[in-house]
Protein backbone atom coordinates (compact mmCIF):
# COMPACT_ATOMS: atom_id res chain seq x y z
CA UNK A 1 77.12 3.06 61.39
CA UNK A 2 80.42 3.57 62.89
CA UNK A 3 81.42 5.88 60.09
CA UNK A 4 78.35 7.87 60.82
CA UNK A 5 79.13 8.23 64.49
CA UNK A 6 82.66 9.43 63.62
CA UNK A 7 81.24 12.00 61.31
CA UNK A 8 78.94 13.42 63.86
CA UNK A 9 81.65 13.47 66.45
CA UNK A 10 83.95 15.44 63.93
CA UNK A 11 81.08 17.97 63.30
CA UNK A 12 80.42 18.45 67.03
CA UNK A 13 84.22 19.01 67.78
CA UNK A 14 84.42 21.65 64.95
CA UNK A 15 81.35 23.48 66.22
CA UNK A 16 82.93 23.39 69.74
CA UNK A 17 86.16 24.84 68.58
CA UNK A 18 84.30 27.53 66.60
CA UNK A 19 82.27 28.62 69.44
CA UNK A 20 85.32 28.66 71.75
CA UNK A 21 87.13 31.04 69.20
CA UNK A 22 84.16 33.26 68.90
CA UNK A 23 84.04 33.82 72.54
CA UNK A 24 87.77 34.56 72.85
CA UNK A 25 87.76 37.10 69.93
CA UNK A 26 84.47 38.70 71.17
CA UNK A 27 86.11 39.37 74.51
CA UNK A 28 89.02 40.90 72.89
CA UNK A 29 86.85 43.18 70.69
CA UNK A 30 84.82 44.16 73.70
CA UNK A 31 87.98 45.14 75.68
CA UNK A 32 89.24 47.25 72.82
CA UNK A 33 85.80 49.10 72.81
CA UNK A 34 86.24 49.70 76.57
CA UNK A 35 89.79 51.02 76.24
CA UNK A 36 88.61 53.41 73.38
CA UNK A 37 85.64 54.68 75.51
CA UNK A 38 87.89 55.18 78.46
CA UNK A 39 90.31 57.16 76.45
CA UNK A 40 87.32 59.42 75.13
CA UNK A 41 86.17 60.12 78.84
CA UNK A 42 89.88 60.98 79.80
CA UNK A 43 90.11 63.57 77.07
CA UNK A 44 86.93 65.05 77.97
CA UNK A 45 87.93 65.42 81.57
CA UNK A 46 91.03 67.49 80.63
CA UNK A 47 90.98 71.19 81.51
CA UNK A 48 90.96 74.02 78.94
CA UNK A 49 94.61 74.80 79.90
CA UNK A 50 95.57 71.22 79.31
CA UNK A 51 93.77 71.13 76.00
CA UNK A 52 95.85 74.30 75.06
CA UNK A 53 98.97 72.57 76.10
CA UNK A 54 98.05 69.64 73.84
CA UNK A 55 97.27 71.94 70.98
CA UNK A 56 100.63 73.89 71.40
CA UNK A 57 102.47 70.53 71.50
CA UNK A 58 100.91 69.72 68.08
CA UNK A 59 101.59 73.11 66.72
CA UNK A 60 104.83 74.67 67.95
CA UNK A 61 105.56 78.26 67.59
CA UNK A 62 107.61 79.06 64.37
CA UNK A 63 110.34 81.60 64.38
CA UNK A 64 107.97 83.98 62.16
CA UNK A 65 105.43 83.92 64.94
CA UNK A 66 107.89 84.75 67.70
CA UNK A 67 109.43 87.48 65.62
CA UNK A 68 105.91 88.87 64.91
CA UNK A 69 105.19 89.06 68.75
CA UNK A 70 108.47 90.85 69.28
CA UNK A 71 107.73 93.39 66.74
CA UNK A 72 104.31 94.09 68.23
CA UNK A 73 105.92 94.49 71.68
CA UNK A 74 108.41 96.90 70.28
CA UNK A 75 105.52 98.95 68.69
CA UNK A 76 103.55 99.04 71.93
CA UNK A 77 106.53 100.10 74.24
CA UNK A 78 106.85 103.77 72.75
CA UNK A 79 103.07 104.08 72.94
CA UNK A 80 103.13 103.23 76.55
CA UNK A 81 105.93 105.54 77.23
CA UNK A 82 103.92 108.46 75.60
CA UNK A 83 101.03 107.60 77.69
CA UNK A 84 103.12 107.64 80.92
CA UNK A 85 104.53 111.02 80.00
CA UNK A 86 101.11 112.30 79.49
CA UNK A 87 99.97 111.18 82.80
CA UNK A 88 102.95 112.77 84.51
CA UNK A 89 102.45 115.91 82.76
CA UNK A 90 98.73 115.90 83.89
CA UNK A 91 99.71 115.16 87.26
CA UNK A 92 102.26 118.11 87.40
CA UNK A 93 99.67 120.44 86.03
CA UNK A 94 97.18 119.47 88.92
CA UNK A 95 99.77 120.50 91.43
CA UNK A 96 99.18 124.01 92.84
CA UNK A 97 101.86 126.59 91.99
CA UNK A 98 103.79 127.68 95.12
CA UNK A 99 104.08 131.38 95.66
CA UNK A 100 107.74 132.42 96.51
CA UNK A 101 109.27 135.51 97.63
CA UNK A 102 111.57 137.16 95.20
CA UNK A 103 115.08 137.19 96.62
CA UNK A 104 116.89 139.39 93.88
CA UNK A 105 117.06 143.10 93.89
CA UNK A 106 114.40 144.55 91.58
CA UNK A 107 116.42 147.37 90.31
CA UNK A 108 119.48 145.28 89.62
CA UNK A 109 120.82 144.96 86.12
CA UNK A 110 120.24 141.19 86.11
CA UNK A 111 116.36 141.65 86.70
CA UNK A 112 116.21 144.50 84.29
CA UNK A 113 117.90 142.50 81.68
CA UNK A 114 115.47 139.51 82.48
CA UNK A 115 112.43 141.88 82.03
CA UNK A 116 113.89 143.33 78.74
CA UNK A 117 114.38 139.80 77.43
CA UNK A 118 110.91 138.90 78.30
CA UNK A 119 112.13 136.00 80.60
CA UNK A 120 109.81 137.44 83.34
CA UNK A 121 106.22 138.43 83.08
CA UNK A 122 106.14 141.34 85.46
CA UNK A 123 102.99 142.48 87.13
CA UNK A 124 103.03 145.78 88.98
CA UNK A 125 100.71 148.63 89.80
CA UNK A 126 99.71 151.24 87.34
CA UNK A 127 101.65 154.04 89.01
CA UNK A 128 103.00 156.55 86.63
CA UNK A 129 105.93 157.51 88.90
CA UNK A 130 106.56 154.07 90.32
CA UNK A 131 110.14 153.00 90.63
CA UNK A 132 109.34 149.50 89.28
CA UNK A 133 107.49 151.03 86.26
CA UNK A 134 110.31 153.33 85.58
CA UNK A 135 112.93 150.66 85.68
CA UNK A 136 110.80 148.37 83.35
CA UNK A 137 110.14 150.82 80.58
CA UNK A 138 113.59 152.68 80.68
CA UNK A 139 114.58 151.13 77.40
CA UNK A 140 111.31 152.15 75.66
CA UNK A 141 111.53 154.39 72.74
CA UNK A 142 109.66 157.77 72.98
CA UNK A 143 106.52 156.70 71.10
CA UNK A 144 106.27 153.48 73.24
CA UNK A 145 106.82 155.41 76.36
CA UNK A 146 104.02 157.89 75.65
CA UNK A 147 101.74 154.99 74.55
CA UNK A 148 102.40 153.14 77.86
CA UNK A 149 101.65 156.11 79.96
CA UNK A 150 98.26 156.45 78.01
CA UNK A 151 97.60 152.82 78.90
CA UNK A 152 98.22 153.41 82.68
CA UNK A 153 95.52 156.12 82.72
CA UNK A 154 93.10 153.67 80.90
CA UNK A 155 93.85 150.97 83.49
CA UNK A 156 92.96 153.26 86.40
CA UNK A 157 89.94 154.87 85.03
CA UNK A 158 88.32 151.66 83.55
CA UNK A 159 89.36 149.53 86.63
CA UNK A 160 90.71 146.61 84.72
CA UNK A 161 94.13 145.10 84.05
CA UNK A 162 96.03 145.68 80.91
CA UNK A 163 99.42 144.64 79.43
CA UNK A 164 102.08 145.99 77.21
CA UNK A 165 102.50 142.56 75.50
CA UNK A 166 103.91 141.87 72.88
CA UNK A 167 105.97 144.92 73.23
CA UNK A 168 107.14 143.74 76.60
CA UNK A 169 106.01 141.25 79.18
CA UNK A 170 104.54 143.90 81.58
CA UNK A 171 100.86 143.90 82.96
CA UNK A 172 99.41 146.39 85.37
CA UNK A 173 96.93 146.37 88.16
CA UNK A 174 94.62 149.37 88.90
CA UNK A 175 95.07 151.50 91.91
CA UNK A 176 92.42 151.69 94.64
CA UNK A 177 92.23 155.41 94.75
CA UNK A 178 90.66 155.52 91.20
CA UNK A 179 88.04 152.87 91.50
CA UNK A 180 86.61 153.80 94.90
CA UNK A 181 86.64 150.30 96.06
CA UNK A 182 85.91 149.87 99.78
CA UNK A 183 87.34 147.20 102.12
CA UNK A 184 84.51 144.96 101.86
CA UNK A 185 84.76 144.45 98.21
CA UNK A 186 88.48 144.85 97.81
CA UNK A 187 89.17 141.22 98.10
CA UNK A 188 86.88 140.42 95.14
CA UNK A 189 88.50 143.11 93.06
CA UNK A 190 91.91 141.58 93.74
CA UNK A 191 90.68 138.24 92.78
CA UNK A 192 89.52 139.44 89.47
CA UNK A 193 92.67 141.55 88.87
CA UNK A 194 95.04 138.82 89.72
CA UNK A 195 92.93 135.97 88.18
CA UNK A 196 93.02 138.04 84.92
CA UNK A 197 96.73 138.41 85.00
CA UNK A 198 97.22 134.67 85.59
CA UNK A 199 94.70 133.93 82.58
CA UNK A 200 96.48 136.40 80.52
CA UNK A 201 99.84 134.64 81.01
CA UNK A 202 98.36 131.28 80.30
CA UNK A 203 96.65 132.40 77.10
CA UNK A 204 98.85 135.02 75.55
CA UNK A 205 102.17 135.77 77.13
CA UNK A 206 102.84 132.24 78.15
CA UNK A 207 105.95 133.05 80.22
CA UNK A 208 107.06 130.42 82.70
CA UNK A 209 107.94 132.96 85.29
CA UNK A 210 105.68 135.65 86.74
CA UNK A 211 106.62 138.27 89.19
CA UNK A 212 104.05 140.20 91.12
CA UNK A 213 105.40 143.45 92.56
CA UNK A 214 103.16 145.16 95.17
CA UNK A 215 103.60 148.79 96.24
CA UNK A 216 103.53 149.57 99.98
CA UNK A 217 101.38 152.73 99.34
CA UNK A 218 98.25 153.82 100.85
CA UNK A 219 96.38 153.44 97.79
CA UNK A 220 97.26 149.85 97.36
CA UNK A 221 96.40 147.10 99.94
CA UNK A 222 99.63 145.03 99.32
CA UNK A 223 99.20 142.63 102.16
CA UNK A 224 95.69 141.71 100.97
CA UNK A 225 96.90 141.41 97.30
CA UNK A 226 99.68 139.01 98.39
CA UNK A 227 97.14 136.86 100.45
CA UNK A 228 94.76 136.72 97.46
CA UNK A 229 97.47 135.76 95.05
CA UNK A 230 98.51 132.81 97.31
CA UNK A 231 94.92 131.86 97.71
CA UNK A 232 94.37 131.65 94.00
CA UNK A 233 97.47 129.81 93.40
CA UNK A 234 96.33 127.00 95.84
CA UNK A 235 92.90 126.72 94.24
CA UNK A 236 94.17 126.94 90.58
CA UNK A 237 95.40 123.60 89.37
CA UNK A 238 95.16 123.94 85.58
CA UNK A 239 98.27 126.27 84.97
CA UNK A 240 100.18 124.82 82.07
CA UNK A 241 102.46 127.74 81.07
CA UNK A 242 102.95 129.32 84.48
CA UNK A 243 105.64 127.34 86.41
CA UNK A 244 107.03 129.71 88.89
CA UNK A 245 105.29 132.72 90.77
CA UNK A 246 107.11 135.09 92.72
CA UNK A 247 106.10 138.27 94.77
CA UNK A 248 107.95 141.32 96.07
CA UNK A 249 106.80 144.39 98.22
CA UNK A 250 108.51 147.67 97.58
C-alpha cells in the first residue's frame, strides 16, 4: 500500500516538473516569435533611401564600377561643351547687326587693297562715272571692265541689284532716275534692294564685312537708303556670315 502511494507521488512530481518545463520553453519560443515579427515590421518601416543604403552596404562599389562612371562622365563633357558652343553661336546670330559709319578714306590704298583682296563686300550705286566705282574696278582687265559696264546698264534698266562676284566682291544698287520710282514707293524699293544685297552676301559672297556706299546725288536718296539699311539690320536676326556692316556717304 505504501509502495503504491510512493509510486503515485513520483508520477505526480514528474508530471508537475514536465508541465513546468513546457511552460518555460513555450514562453521563450513565443518571445522569439515576437522578436522576429518586430524585426520584420522595422524593416518594412524603412524608407526607400534607407533600403538603398542597406543595399549599397551589402554591395560596395568596385573599382571597375567607379572607373566606368568616370569614363562615362568624360564622354559627356565634350558633348556638353559642343552643346554650349551651339547655344552661344545661336544667341550671337539672334543679335541684330549694328550699322556703323565707315571711318577710313574710301580712296585710300588700304581700302582699295581690301576691296581687291575681297576682304570687303562693297555695295555702291550703279553709276558709270562714280568715284567709288572707278576706284573699285581700276585693277580690272579690259574685258572685265567692259563686262562690268554692261552690267551697270542692266541693273538700272531692269531695276534690280546685281554683283560682280566671283570676279570681285562688288554689288550695285539701281539709280532712281532709271526706274521712275516716286517718293511714296521709294522706301519699299530700298527695302528690296538692300535686303537682296544682304541675302546675296549670306548665300553666295559670304564676306564678314559689308560696306554700303551711298551717293549724295539727286538721283539717289542716300538718307532714306541709310535709314532703311539700319531698319533692316535691327529686324534681321538670322545673319550668319555678315558680321559687320558699315555705311559711307560720298
